[in-house]
């Protein structure tokens, strides 16, 4: 863990990029549709193991070109996962 005394906590960082198939891009351009290019996603999560049965994981993502469309604005996504093991 990052915090002394919290050895079971985890930090995760991720990055992913997707590219649209060039053949699909050509077909969409020929049909007059908006061009899809690529999408990038950066993610940060912190997992806190608060008891032997309770885990809380808040996270944040930044999405560049959601849906691979430049017509959609870049966006922030916030989430939380709560896991209880009985």
N, C-alpha and C. Protein backbone atom coordinates (compact mmCIF):
# COMPACT_ATOMS: atom_id res chain seq x y z
N UNK A 1 0.82 -1.20 0.00
CA UNK A 1 0.00 0.00 0.00
C UNK A 1 0.86 1.25 0.00
N UNK A 2 0.26 2.34 -0.37
CA UNK A 2 0.96 3.63 -0.39
C UNK A 2 1.02 4.28 0.99
N UNK A 3 0.05 3.93 1.83
CA UNK A 3 -0.05 4.54 3.15
C UNK A 3 0.47 3.55 4.19
N UNK A 4 1.35 3.98 5.08
CA UNK A 4 1.86 3.08 6.11
C UNK A 4 0.70 2.48 6.92
N UNK A 5 0.78 1.17 7.17
CA UNK A 5 -0.26 0.49 7.92
C UNK A 5 -1.42 0.02 7.06
N UNK A 6 -1.39 0.30 5.75
CA UNK A 6 -2.47 -0.11 4.85
C UNK A 6 -1.86 -0.94 3.71
N UNK A 7 -1.24 -2.06 4.08
CA UNK A 7 -0.50 -2.88 3.11
C UNK A 7 -1.40 -3.54 2.06
N UNK A 8 -2.69 -3.69 2.33
CA UNK A 8 -3.58 -4.36 1.38
C UNK A 8 -4.23 -3.41 0.36
N UNK A 9 -4.04 -2.09 0.53
CA UNK A 9 -4.59 -1.13 -0.42
C UNK A 9 -3.82 -1.21 -1.75
N UNK A 10 -4.50 -0.85 -2.84
CA UNK A 10 -3.89 -0.90 -4.17
C UNK A 10 -4.13 0.40 -4.92
N UNK A 11 -3.20 0.76 -5.77
CA UNK A 11 -3.35 1.88 -6.70
C UNK A 11 -3.19 1.31 -8.09
N UNK A 12 -4.09 1.67 -8.99
CA UNK A 12 -3.94 1.20 -10.37
C UNK A 12 -4.09 2.37 -11.32
N UNK A 13 -3.27 2.34 -12.36
CA UNK A 13 -3.27 3.36 -13.40
C UNK A 13 -3.33 2.62 -14.72
N UNK A 14 -4.18 3.11 -15.61
CA UNK A 14 -4.30 2.45 -16.91
C UNK A 14 -4.42 3.43 -18.05
N UNK A 15 -4.07 2.98 -19.22
CA UNK A 15 -4.19 3.76 -20.45
C UNK A 15 -4.53 2.80 -21.57
N UNK A 16 -5.49 3.17 -22.38
CA UNK A 16 -5.87 2.32 -23.51
C UNK A 16 -6.18 3.20 -24.71
N UNK A 17 -5.92 2.68 -25.89
CA UNK A 17 -6.22 3.39 -27.13
C UNK A 17 -6.86 2.40 -28.09
N UNK A 18 -7.92 2.82 -28.72
CA UNK A 18 -8.56 2.01 -29.75
C UNK A 18 -8.52 2.79 -31.06
N UNK A 19 -8.26 2.09 -32.14
CA UNK A 19 -8.25 2.69 -33.48
C UNK A 19 -9.32 2.04 -34.33
N UNK A 20 -10.04 2.87 -35.05
CA UNK A 20 -11.09 2.38 -35.94
C UNK A 20 -10.44 1.83 -37.21
N UNK A 21 -10.94 0.70 -37.67
CA UNK A 21 -10.44 0.04 -38.88
C UNK A 21 -10.48 1.01 -40.06
N UNK A 22 -9.38 1.17 -40.81
CA UNK A 22 -9.37 2.08 -41.95
C UNK A 22 -10.42 1.75 -43.03
N UNK A 23 -10.74 0.47 -43.19
CA UNK A 23 -11.77 0.10 -44.18
C UNK A 23 -13.13 0.64 -43.76
N UNK A 24 -13.42 0.59 -42.46
CA UNK A 24 -14.67 1.15 -41.97
C UNK A 24 -14.67 2.66 -42.15
N UNK A 25 -13.54 3.30 -41.91
CA UNK A 25 -13.45 4.74 -42.10
C UNK A 25 -13.76 5.12 -43.55
N UNK A 26 -13.21 4.37 -44.51
CA UNK A 26 -13.46 4.66 -45.93
C UNK A 26 -14.94 4.50 -46.27
N UNK A 27 -15.56 3.45 -45.76
CA UNK A 27 -16.99 3.22 -46.03
C UNK A 27 -17.85 4.33 -45.44
N UNK A 28 -17.54 4.74 -44.23
CA UNK A 28 -18.31 5.81 -43.60
C UNK A 28 -18.11 7.14 -44.32
N UNK A 29 -16.89 7.42 -44.76
CA UNK A 29 -16.63 8.65 -45.52
C UNK A 29 -17.40 8.65 -46.83
N UNK A 30 -17.42 7.49 -47.51
CA UNK A 30 -18.15 7.39 -48.78
C UNK A 30 -19.65 7.57 -48.58
N UNK A 31 -20.15 7.20 -47.40
CA UNK A 31 -21.57 7.34 -47.10
C UNK A 31 -21.90 8.72 -46.54
N UNK A 32 -20.89 9.57 -46.40
CA UNK A 32 -21.12 10.92 -45.88
C UNK A 32 -21.29 10.98 -44.37
N UNK A 33 -20.87 9.94 -43.70
CA UNK A 33 -21.00 9.89 -42.24
C UNK A 33 -19.81 10.58 -41.58
N UNK A 34 -19.98 10.93 -40.30
CA UNK A 34 -18.88 11.53 -39.54
C UNK A 34 -17.75 10.51 -39.40
N UNK A 35 -16.53 10.98 -39.56
CA UNK A 35 -15.37 10.11 -39.53
C UNK A 35 -15.04 9.69 -38.09
N UNK A 36 -14.94 8.39 -37.86
CA UNK A 36 -14.48 7.86 -36.59
C UNK A 36 -12.98 7.63 -36.69
N UNK A 37 -12.24 8.00 -35.66
CA UNK A 37 -10.79 7.88 -35.71
C UNK A 37 -10.27 6.95 -34.62
N UNK A 38 -10.08 7.48 -33.42
CA UNK A 38 -9.59 6.68 -32.31
C UNK A 38 -10.14 7.23 -31.00
N UNK A 39 -9.99 6.45 -29.96
CA UNK A 39 -10.42 6.84 -28.63
C UNK A 39 -9.31 6.49 -27.66
N UNK A 40 -9.04 7.37 -26.71
CA UNK A 40 -8.03 7.12 -25.68
C UNK A 40 -8.68 7.29 -24.32
N UNK A 41 -8.28 6.44 -23.40
CA UNK A 41 -8.85 6.46 -22.05
C UNK A 41 -7.73 6.33 -21.03
N UNK A 42 -7.68 7.27 -20.10
CA UNK A 42 -6.73 7.21 -19.00
C UNK A 42 -7.54 6.99 -17.73
N UNK A 43 -7.03 6.13 -16.83
CA UNK A 43 -7.80 5.75 -15.65
C UNK A 43 -6.90 5.67 -14.42
N UNK A 44 -7.46 6.10 -13.28
CA UNK A 44 -6.77 6.01 -11.99
C UNK A 44 -7.76 5.48 -10.96
N UNK A 45 -7.37 4.45 -10.20
CA UNK A 45 -8.21 3.87 -9.16
C UNK A 45 -7.40 3.69 -7.89
N UNK A 46 -8.09 3.82 -6.76
CA UNK A 46 -7.48 3.51 -5.46
C UNK A 46 -8.40 2.51 -4.78
N UNK A 47 -7.87 1.36 -4.40
CA UNK A 47 -8.66 0.34 -3.72
C UNK A 47 -8.28 0.31 -2.26
N UNK A 48 -9.24 0.61 -1.40
CA UNK A 48 -9.02 0.58 0.04
C UNK A 48 -9.63 -0.67 0.65
N UNK A 49 -8.82 -1.47 1.32
CA UNK A 49 -9.30 -2.67 2.01
C UNK A 49 -9.49 -2.26 3.46
N UNK A 50 -10.74 -1.90 3.84
CA UNK A 50 -11.00 -1.30 5.15
C UNK A 50 -11.19 -2.34 6.25
N UNK A 51 -11.75 -3.48 5.93
CA UNK A 51 -11.84 -4.61 6.85
C UNK A 51 -11.58 -5.86 6.03
N UNK A 52 -11.60 -7.02 6.66
CA UNK A 52 -11.37 -8.25 5.90
C UNK A 52 -12.50 -8.52 4.91
N UNK A 53 -13.64 -7.85 5.08
CA UNK A 53 -14.80 -8.11 4.21
C UNK A 53 -15.26 -6.88 3.41
N UNK A 54 -14.67 -5.70 3.65
CA UNK A 54 -15.12 -4.47 2.98
C UNK A 54 -14.01 -3.82 2.18
N UNK A 55 -14.28 -3.65 0.88
CA UNK A 55 -13.34 -3.02 -0.05
C UNK A 55 -14.07 -1.90 -0.78
N UNK A 56 -13.46 -0.71 -0.82
CA UNK A 56 -14.05 0.44 -1.52
C UNK A 56 -13.04 0.92 -2.55
N UNK A 57 -13.53 1.12 -3.79
CA UNK A 57 -12.64 1.47 -4.89
C UNK A 57 -13.19 2.67 -5.67
N UNK A 58 -12.79 3.90 -5.31
CA UNK A 58 -13.16 5.05 -6.13
C UNK A 58 -12.21 5.14 -7.32
N UNK A 59 -12.70 5.73 -8.40
CA UNK A 59 -11.87 5.86 -9.59
C UNK A 59 -12.29 7.03 -10.45
N UNK A 60 -11.37 7.44 -11.31
CA UNK A 60 -11.64 8.52 -12.25
C UNK A 60 -11.04 8.14 -13.61
N UNK A 61 -11.76 8.49 -14.66
CA UNK A 61 -11.29 8.23 -16.03
C UNK A 61 -11.40 9.53 -16.83
N UNK A 62 -10.48 9.69 -17.77
CA UNK A 62 -10.58 10.79 -18.73
C UNK A 62 -10.64 10.17 -20.11
N UNK A 63 -11.70 10.45 -20.83
CA UNK A 63 -11.95 9.83 -22.14
C UNK A 63 -11.76 10.88 -23.24
N UNK A 64 -10.81 10.62 -24.12
CA UNK A 64 -10.53 11.50 -25.26
C UNK A 64 -11.22 10.92 -26.49
N UNK A 65 -12.08 11.69 -27.10
CA UNK A 65 -12.91 11.28 -28.25
C UNK A 65 -13.79 10.08 -27.91
N UNK A 66 -14.73 10.24 -26.96
CA UNK A 66 -15.61 9.11 -26.62
C UNK A 66 -16.29 8.54 -27.86
N UNK A 67 -16.30 7.23 -27.96
CA UNK A 67 -16.90 6.58 -29.13
C UNK A 67 -16.09 6.76 -30.40
N UNK A 68 -14.85 7.24 -30.27
CA UNK A 68 -13.93 7.47 -31.39
C UNK A 68 -14.43 8.57 -32.32
N UNK A 69 -15.37 9.40 -31.86
CA UNK A 69 -15.93 10.46 -32.70
C UNK A 69 -15.44 11.83 -32.22
N UNK A 70 -14.88 12.60 -33.13
CA UNK A 70 -14.39 13.93 -32.76
C UNK A 70 -15.55 14.89 -32.50
N UNK A 71 -16.77 14.47 -32.82
CA UNK A 71 -17.93 15.33 -32.56
C UNK A 71 -18.37 15.28 -31.10
N UNK A 72 -17.88 14.30 -30.34
CA UNK A 72 -18.21 14.20 -28.91
C UNK A 72 -17.11 14.87 -28.10
N UNK A 73 -17.48 15.67 -27.10
CA UNK A 73 -16.44 16.33 -26.29
C UNK A 73 -15.72 15.33 -25.38
N UNK A 74 -14.46 15.62 -25.09
CA UNK A 74 -13.72 14.82 -24.12
C UNK A 74 -14.48 14.88 -22.80
N UNK A 75 -14.38 13.83 -22.00
CA UNK A 75 -15.20 13.78 -20.80
C UNK A 75 -14.48 13.12 -19.63
N UNK A 76 -14.87 13.51 -18.43
CA UNK A 76 -14.42 12.89 -17.19
C UNK A 76 -15.51 11.94 -16.72
N UNK A 77 -15.10 10.79 -16.20
CA UNK A 77 -16.04 9.80 -15.66
C UNK A 77 -15.57 9.45 -14.25
N UNK A 78 -16.48 9.55 -13.29
CA UNK A 78 -16.17 9.23 -11.90
C UNK A 78 -16.99 8.02 -11.47
N UNK A 79 -16.42 7.16 -10.68
CA UNK A 79 -17.17 5.99 -10.23
C UNK A 79 -16.67 5.50 -8.89
N UNK A 80 -17.45 4.61 -8.30
CA UNK A 80 -17.06 3.98 -7.05
C UNK A 80 -17.63 2.56 -7.04
N UNK A 81 -16.83 1.64 -6.55
CA UNK A 81 -17.25 0.26 -6.40
C UNK A 81 -17.12 -0.10 -4.92
N UNK A 82 -18.18 -0.66 -4.36
CA UNK A 82 -18.15 -1.11 -2.97
C UNK A 82 -18.37 -2.61 -2.98
N UNK A 83 -17.44 -3.33 -2.36
CA UNK A 83 -17.48 -4.79 -2.38
C UNK A 83 -17.51 -5.32 -0.95
N UNK A 84 -18.56 -6.04 -0.63
CA UNK A 84 -18.69 -6.66 0.69
C UNK A 84 -18.71 -8.17 0.52
N UNK A 85 -17.80 -8.86 1.16
CA UNK A 85 -17.73 -10.31 1.10
C UNK A 85 -18.26 -10.85 2.42
N UNK A 86 -19.36 -11.58 2.31
CA UNK A 86 -19.99 -12.11 3.53
C UNK A 86 -19.61 -13.55 3.77
